[in-house]
Amino acid sequence: MIAALAGRRIDALGAEPRFPSDRIQTVHGVIAEQFRSRKVTGLVSSAACGADLIAIHVSMELDICFRIVLPYGIDDFRRSSVVDRPGKWEAIYDEAIGRAQIRGDLIVLNVERNAAGYRSANQTIIDEAVCLSVNGATSLIAIAIWDSKRRNSEDATADFVDRATSLHLPILSIPTL
């Protein structure tokens, strides 16, 4: 099974709770169990701190192939979406990017850092997962790791869920709260 995945980043200090850092281990365990029970063989996601990097970390632990889609450059993405929140995300990010580069599984879209750019990344995540599932003749699931609440019209996780729904993909929602 191939998993297309998107979800919440870890909460910024003082932010309204969406993915508090005390939920990291729980979410990690749920992802690992779902990957094992569903026999996930491939993951496609971005690499932001929180849901993405937890899922990539689980993939590395379970020796599952992963493909990373970044909306813009590696260093800029690290600054804006990895190290700008509490936690030790940079080492996981750097290892994941390095592994993906070696295997040719890193896609950098070079789009603007805005809602449209994140929507492009979501579409590419789903498109890449569909291609991997068709080429490997295997099933596909969309996994959303979130609080199941739309923040606003620019909510990237809600956009991912909408895109998966429009394609009639099965969606597994893993709660962050």
C-alpha atoms as a PDB file:
ATOM      1  CA  MET A   1       0.000   0.000   0.000  1.00  0.00           C
ATOM      2  CA  ILE A   2       1.132   3.532  -0.811  1.00  0.00           C
ATOM      3  CA  ALA A   3       0.304   6.348   1.621  1.00  0.00           C
ATOM      4  CA  ALA A   4      -0.108   9.987   0.597  1.00  0.00           C
ATOM      5  CA  LEU A   5       0.196  11.990   3.799  1.00  0.00           C
ATOM      6  CA  ALA A   6      -0.252  15.529   5.067  1.00  0.00           C
ATOM      7  CA  GLY A   7      -0.978  17.054   8.428  1.00  0.00           C
ATOM      8  CA  ARG A   8      -0.423  19.637  11.078  1.00  0.00           C
ATOM      9  CA  ARG A   9       2.894  21.091  12.112  1.00  0.00           C
ATOM     10  CA  ILE A  10       3.792  21.163  15.772  1.00  0.00           C
ATOM     11  CA  ASP A  11       2.204  24.137  17.513  1.00  0.00           C
ATOM     12  CA  ALA A  12       4.206  27.335  17.779  1.00  0.00           C
ATOM     13  CA  LEU A  13       4.780  28.549  21.320  1.00  0.00           C
ATOM     14  CA  GLY A  14       1.609  30.161  22.641  1.00  0.00           C
ATOM     15  CA  ALA A  15      -0.500  29.108  19.642  1.00  0.00           C
ATOM     16  CA  GLU A  16      -4.016  27.721  19.764  1.00  0.00           C
ATOM     17  CA  PRO A  17      -3.603  23.936  20.215  1.00  0.00           C
ATOM     18  CA  ARG A  18      -3.727  21.941  16.989  1.00  0.00           C
ATOM     19  CA  PHE A  19      -0.763  19.604  17.464  1.00  0.00           C
ATOM     20  CA  PRO A  20       0.823  19.991  20.902  1.00  0.00           C
ATOM     21  CA  SER A  21       4.310  18.570  21.344  1.00  0.00           C
ATOM     22  CA  ASP A  22       3.134  16.239  24.122  1.00  0.00           C
ATOM     23  CA  ARG A  23       1.234  14.277  21.429  1.00  0.00           C
ATOM     24  CA  ILE A  24       4.319  13.464  19.328  1.00  0.00           C
ATOM     25  CA  GLN A  25       4.968  10.005  20.813  1.00  0.00           C
ATOM     26  CA  THR A  26       1.301   9.027  20.644  1.00  0.00           C
ATOM     27  CA  VAL A  27       0.992  10.084  17.014  1.00  0.00           C
ATOM     28  CA  HIS A  28       4.295   8.342  16.215  1.00  0.00           C
ATOM     29  CA  GLY A  29       2.925   5.109  17.686  1.00  0.00           C
ATOM     30  CA  VAL A  30      -0.367   5.348  15.796  1.00  0.00           C
ATOM     31  CA  ILE A  31       1.425   5.995  12.497  1.00  0.00           C
ATOM     32  CA  ALA A  32       3.769   3.048  13.073  1.00  0.00           C
ATOM     33  CA  GLU A  33       0.851   0.740  13.891  1.00  0.00           C
ATOM     34  CA  GLN A  34      -1.131   1.900  10.848  1.00  0.00           C
ATOM     35  CA  PHE A  35       1.882   1.478   8.546  1.00  0.00           C
ATOM     36  CA  ARG A  36       2.462  -2.048   9.875  1.00  0.00           C
ATOM     37  CA  SER A  37      -1.172  -3.181   9.862  1.00  0.00           C
ATOM     38  CA  ARG A  38      -1.864  -1.740   6.407  1.00  0.00           C
ATOM     39  CA  LYS A  39       1.443  -3.036   5.047  1.00  0.00           C
ATOM     40  CA  VAL A  40       2.507   0.378   3.760  1.00  0.00           C
ATOM     41  CA  THR A  41       5.408   0.026   1.336  1.00  0.00           C
ATOM     42  CA  GLY A  42       5.729   3.644   0.267  1.00  0.00           C
ATOM     43  CA  LEU A  43       5.038   7.128   1.622  1.00  0.00           C
ATOM     44  CA  VAL A  44       4.706  10.434  -0.198  1.00  0.00           C
ATOM     45  CA  SER A  45       4.618  13.606   1.905  1.00  0.00           C
ATOM     46  CA  SER A  46       6.279  16.925   2.469  1.00  0.00           C
ATOM     47  CA  ALA A  47       8.824  17.296   5.286  1.00  0.00           C
ATOM     48  CA  ALA A  48       7.596  19.941   7.712  1.00  0.00           C
ATOM     49  CA  CYS A  49       8.022  19.581  11.478  1.00  0.00           C
ATOM     50  CA  GLY A  50       5.178  17.602  12.999  1.00  0.00           C
ATOM     51  CA  ALA A  51       3.067  15.147  11.006  1.00  0.00           C
ATOM     52  CA  ASP A  52       5.310  14.939   7.935  1.00  0.00           C
ATOM     53  CA  LEU A  53       8.592  14.365   9.724  1.00  0.00           C
ATOM     54  CA  ILE A  54       7.050  11.970  12.228  1.00  0.00           C
ATOM     55  CA  ALA A  55       5.724   9.835   9.353  1.00  0.00           C
ATOM     56  CA  ILE A  56       9.061  10.008   7.527  1.00  0.00           C
ATOM     57  CA  HIS A  57      10.859   9.039  10.742  1.00  0.00           C
ATOM     58  CA  VAL A  58       8.538   6.029  11.115  1.00  0.00           C
ATOM     59  CA  SER A  59       9.259   5.136   7.487  1.00  0.00           C
ATOM     60  CA  MET A  60      12.994   5.208   8.154  1.00  0.00           C
ATOM     61  CA  GLU A  61      12.534   3.035  11.265  1.00  0.00           C
ATOM     62  CA  LEU A  62      10.416   0.490   9.364  1.00  0.00           C
ATOM     63  CA  ASP A  63      12.543   0.609   6.191  1.00  0.00           C
ATOM     64  CA  ILE A  64       9.667   1.955   4.094  1.00  0.00           C
ATOM     65  CA  CYS A  65      10.514   3.918   0.958  1.00  0.00           C
ATOM     66  CA  PHE A  66       9.482   7.565   1.014  1.00  0.00           C
ATOM     67  CA  ARG A  67       9.283  10.400  -1.482  1.00  0.00           C
ATOM     68  CA  ILE A  68       9.431  14.019  -0.329  1.00  0.00           C
ATOM     69  CA  VAL A  69       7.686  16.905  -2.065  1.00  0.00           C
ATOM     70  CA  LEU A  70       8.845  20.401  -1.117  1.00  0.00           C
ATOM     71  CA  PRO A  71       7.025  23.460  -2.419  1.00  0.00           C
ATOM     72  CA  TYR A  72      10.270  25.469  -2.481  1.00  0.00           C
ATOM     73  CA  GLY A  73      14.009  25.075  -1.853  1.00  0.00           C
ATOM     74  CA  ILE A  74      15.540  22.813   0.782  1.00  0.00           C
ATOM     75  CA  ASP A  75      17.186  25.538   2.892  1.00  0.00           C
ATOM     76  CA  ASP A  76      14.268  27.957   2.702  1.00  0.00           C
ATOM     77  CA  PHE A  77      11.867  25.150   3.640  1.00  0.00           C
ATOM     78  CA  ARG A  78      14.110  24.177   6.588  1.00  0.00           C
ATOM     79  CA  ARG A  79      13.972  27.779   7.884  1.00  0.00           C
ATOM     80  CA  SER A  80      10.236  28.318   7.389  1.00  0.00           C
ATOM     81  CA  SER A  81       8.760  24.880   8.125  1.00  0.00           C
ATOM     82  CA  VAL A  82      11.216  22.815  10.182  1.00  0.00           C
ATOM     83  CA  VAL A  83      13.307  24.792  12.672  1.00  0.00           C
ATOM     84  CA  ASP A  84      10.787  27.562  13.357  1.00  0.00           C
ATOM     85  CA  ARG A  85       8.859  25.452  15.885  1.00  0.00           C
ATOM     86  CA  PRO A  86       9.836  23.774  19.164  1.00  0.00           C
ATOM     87  CA  GLY A  87      11.551  20.407  18.963  1.00  0.00           C
ATOM     88  CA  LYS A  88      14.556  18.697  17.449  1.00  0.00           C
ATOM     89  CA  TRP A  89      13.349  18.400  13.859  1.00  0.00           C
ATOM     90  CA  GLU A  90      16.408  19.497  11.903  1.00  0.00           C
ATOM     91  CA  ALA A  91      18.343  16.226  12.214  1.00  0.00           C
ATOM     92  CA  ILE A  92      15.387  14.153  10.981  1.00  0.00           C
ATOM     93  CA  TYR A  93      14.821  16.627   8.139  1.00  0.00           C
ATOM     94  CA  ASP A  94      18.466  16.593   7.047  1.00  0.00           C
ATOM     95  CA  GLU A  95      18.671  12.784   7.146  1.00  0.00           C
ATOM     96  CA  ALA A  96      15.410  12.396   5.241  1.00  0.00           C
ATOM     97  CA  ILE A  97      16.384  14.959   2.588  1.00  0.00           C
ATOM     98  CA  GLY A  98      19.770  13.269   2.166  1.00  0.00           C
ATOM     99  CA  ARG A  99      18.223   9.813   1.734  1.00  0.00           C
ATOM    100  CA  ALA A 100      15.598  11.118  -0.673  1.00  0.00           C
ATOM    101  CA  GLN A 101      18.218  12.931  -2.769  1.00  0.00           C
ATOM    102  CA  ILE A 102      20.371   9.818  -3.068  1.00  0.00           C
ATOM    103  CA  ARG A 103      17.395   7.746  -4.275  1.00  0.00           C
ATOM    104  CA  GLY A 104      16.004  10.422  -6.580  1.00  0.00           C
ATOM    105  CA  ASP A 105      12.925  10.723  -4.347  1.00  0.00           C
ATOM    106  CA  LEU A 106      13.080  14.458  -3.653  1.00  0.00           C
ATOM    107  CA  ILE A 107      10.817  16.763  -5.643  1.00  0.00           C
ATOM    108  CA  VAL A 108      11.301  20.506  -5.228  1.00  0.00           C
ATOM    109  CA  LEU A 109       8.533  22.447  -6.968  1.00  0.00           C
ATOM    110  CA  ASN A 110      10.052  25.938  -6.616  1.00  0.00           C
ATOM    111  CA  VAL A 111       6.650  27.591  -6.246  1.00  0.00           C
ATOM    112  CA  GLU A 112       5.821  30.631  -4.139  1.00  0.00           C
ATOM    113  CA  ARG A 113       5.659  30.302  -0.377  1.00  0.00           C
ATOM    114  CA  ASN A 114       1.924  30.923  -0.090  1.00  0.00           C
ATOM    115  CA  ALA A 115      -1.396  29.036  -0.030  1.00  0.00           C
ATOM    116  CA  ALA A 116      -1.266  28.353  -3.780  1.00  0.00           C
ATOM    117  CA  GLY A 117       2.224  26.878  -3.410  1.00  0.00           C
ATOM    118  CA  TYR A 118       1.098  24.568  -0.623  1.00  0.00           C
ATOM    119  CA  ARG A 119      -1.919  23.508  -2.705  1.00  0.00           C
ATOM    120  CA  SER A 120       0.484  22.652  -5.539  1.00  0.00           C
ATOM    121  CA  ALA A 121       2.542  20.560  -3.144  1.00  0.00           C
ATOM    122  CA  ASN A 122      -0.603  18.727  -1.960  1.00  0.00           C
ATOM    123  CA  GLN A 123      -1.586  17.955  -5.545  1.00  0.00           C
ATOM    124  CA  THR A 124       1.909  16.688  -6.309  1.00  0.00           C
ATOM    125  CA  ILE A 125       1.910  14.495  -3.191  1.00  0.00           C
ATOM    126  CA  ILE A 126      -1.329  12.868  -4.307  1.00  0.00           C
ATOM    127  CA  ASP A 127      -0.226  12.612  -7.968  1.00  0.00           C
ATOM    128  CA  GLU A 128       3.071  10.968  -6.976  1.00  0.00           C
ATOM    129  CA  ALA A 129       1.296   8.513  -4.676  1.00  0.00           C
ATOM    130  CA  VAL A 130      -1.159   7.616  -7.443  1.00  0.00           C
ATOM    131  CA  CYS A 131       1.749   7.013  -9.846  1.00  0.00           C
ATOM    132  CA  LEU A 132       3.581   4.837  -7.325  1.00  0.00           C
ATOM    133  CA  SER A 133       0.453   2.801  -6.604  1.00  0.00           C
ATOM    134  CA  VAL A 134      -0.348   2.285 -10.300  1.00  0.00           C
ATOM    135  CA  ASN A 135       3.246   1.413 -11.202  1.00  0.00           C
ATOM    136  CA  GLY A 136       3.472  -0.970  -8.272  1.00  0.00           C
ATOM    137  CA  ALA A 137      -0.074  -2.303  -8.765  1.00  0.00           C
ATOM    138  CA  THR A 138      -0.906  -1.645  -5.139  1.00  0.00           C
ATOM    139  CA  SER A 139      -3.604   0.197  -3.218  1.00  0.00           C
ATOM    140  CA  LEU A 140      -3.483   3.807  -2.089  1.00  0.00           C
ATOM    141  CA  ILE A 141      -4.591   5.601   1.054  1.00  0.00           C
ATOM    142  CA  ALA A 142      -4.584   9.254   2.033  1.00  0.00           C
ATOM    143  CA  ILE A 143      -3.583   9.906   5.645  1.00  0.00           C
ATOM    144  CA  ALA A 144      -4.417  13.205   7.321  1.00  0.00           C
ATOM    145  CA  ILE A 145      -2.810  13.849  10.695  1.00  0.00           C
ATOM    146  CA  TRP A 146      -4.772  16.702  12.156  1.00  0.00           C
ATOM    147  CA  ASP A 147      -7.363  18.045  14.534  1.00  0.00           C
ATOM    148  CA  SER A 148     -10.112  17.648  11.859  1.00  0.00           C
ATOM    149  CA  LYS A 149     -10.930  21.355  12.058  1.00  0.00           C
ATOM    150  CA  ARG A 150     -10.602  23.731   9.121  1.00  0.00           C
ATOM    151  CA  ARG A 151      -8.714  26.824  10.187  1.00  0.00           C
ATOM    152  CA  ASN A 152      -9.533  29.032   7.200  1.00  0.00           C
ATOM    153  CA  SER A 153      -9.680  28.950   3.397  1.00  0.00           C
ATOM    154  CA  GLU A 154      -5.881  28.583   3.252  1.00  0.00           C
ATOM    155  CA  ASP A 155      -5.716  25.486   5.500  1.00  0.00           C
ATOM    156  CA  ALA A 156      -3.264  23.196   3.683  1.00  0.00           C
ATOM    157  CA  THR A 157      -4.299  20.030   5.537  1.00  0.00           C
ATOM    158  CA  ALA A 158      -7.976  20.637   4.782  1.00  0.00           C
ATOM    159  CA  ASP A 159      -7.001  21.194   1.139  1.00  0.00           C
ATOM    160  CA  PHE A 160      -5.198  17.823   1.122  1.00  0.00           C
ATOM    161  CA  VAL A 161      -8.300  16.105   2.555  1.00  0.00           C
ATOM    162  CA  ASP A 162     -10.509  17.841  -0.039  1.00  0.00           C
ATOM    163  CA  ARG A 163      -8.243  16.715  -2.888  1.00  0.00           C
ATOM    164  CA  ALA A 164      -8.182  13.117  -1.641  1.00  0.00           C
ATOM    165  CA  THR A 165     -11.955  13.159  -1.182  1.00  0.00           C
ATOM    166  CA  SER A 166     -12.502  14.454  -4.724  1.00  0.00           C
ATOM    167  CA  LEU A 167     -10.559  11.445  -6.028  1.00  0.00           C
ATOM    168  CA  HIS A 168     -12.573   9.076  -3.823  1.00  0.00           C
ATOM    169  CA  LEU A 169      -9.435   7.926  -2.032  1.00  0.00           C
ATOM    170  CA  PRO A 170      -9.873   6.191   1.299  1.00  0.00           C
ATOM    171  CA  ILE A 171      -8.866   8.649   4.020  1.00  0.00           C
ATOM    172  CA  LEU A 172      -7.454   7.748   7.386  1.00  0.00           C
ATOM    173  CA  SER A 173      -7.585  10.610   9.867  1.00  0.00           C
ATOM    174  CA  ILE A 174      -5.134  10.423  12.783  1.00  0.00           C
ATOM    175  CA  PRO A 175      -5.988  12.909  15.553  1.00  0.00           C
ATOM    176  CA  THR A 176      -3.412  15.353  16.879  1.00  0.00           C
ATOM    177  CA  LEU A 177      -5.480  16.363  19.905  1.00  0.00           C
END
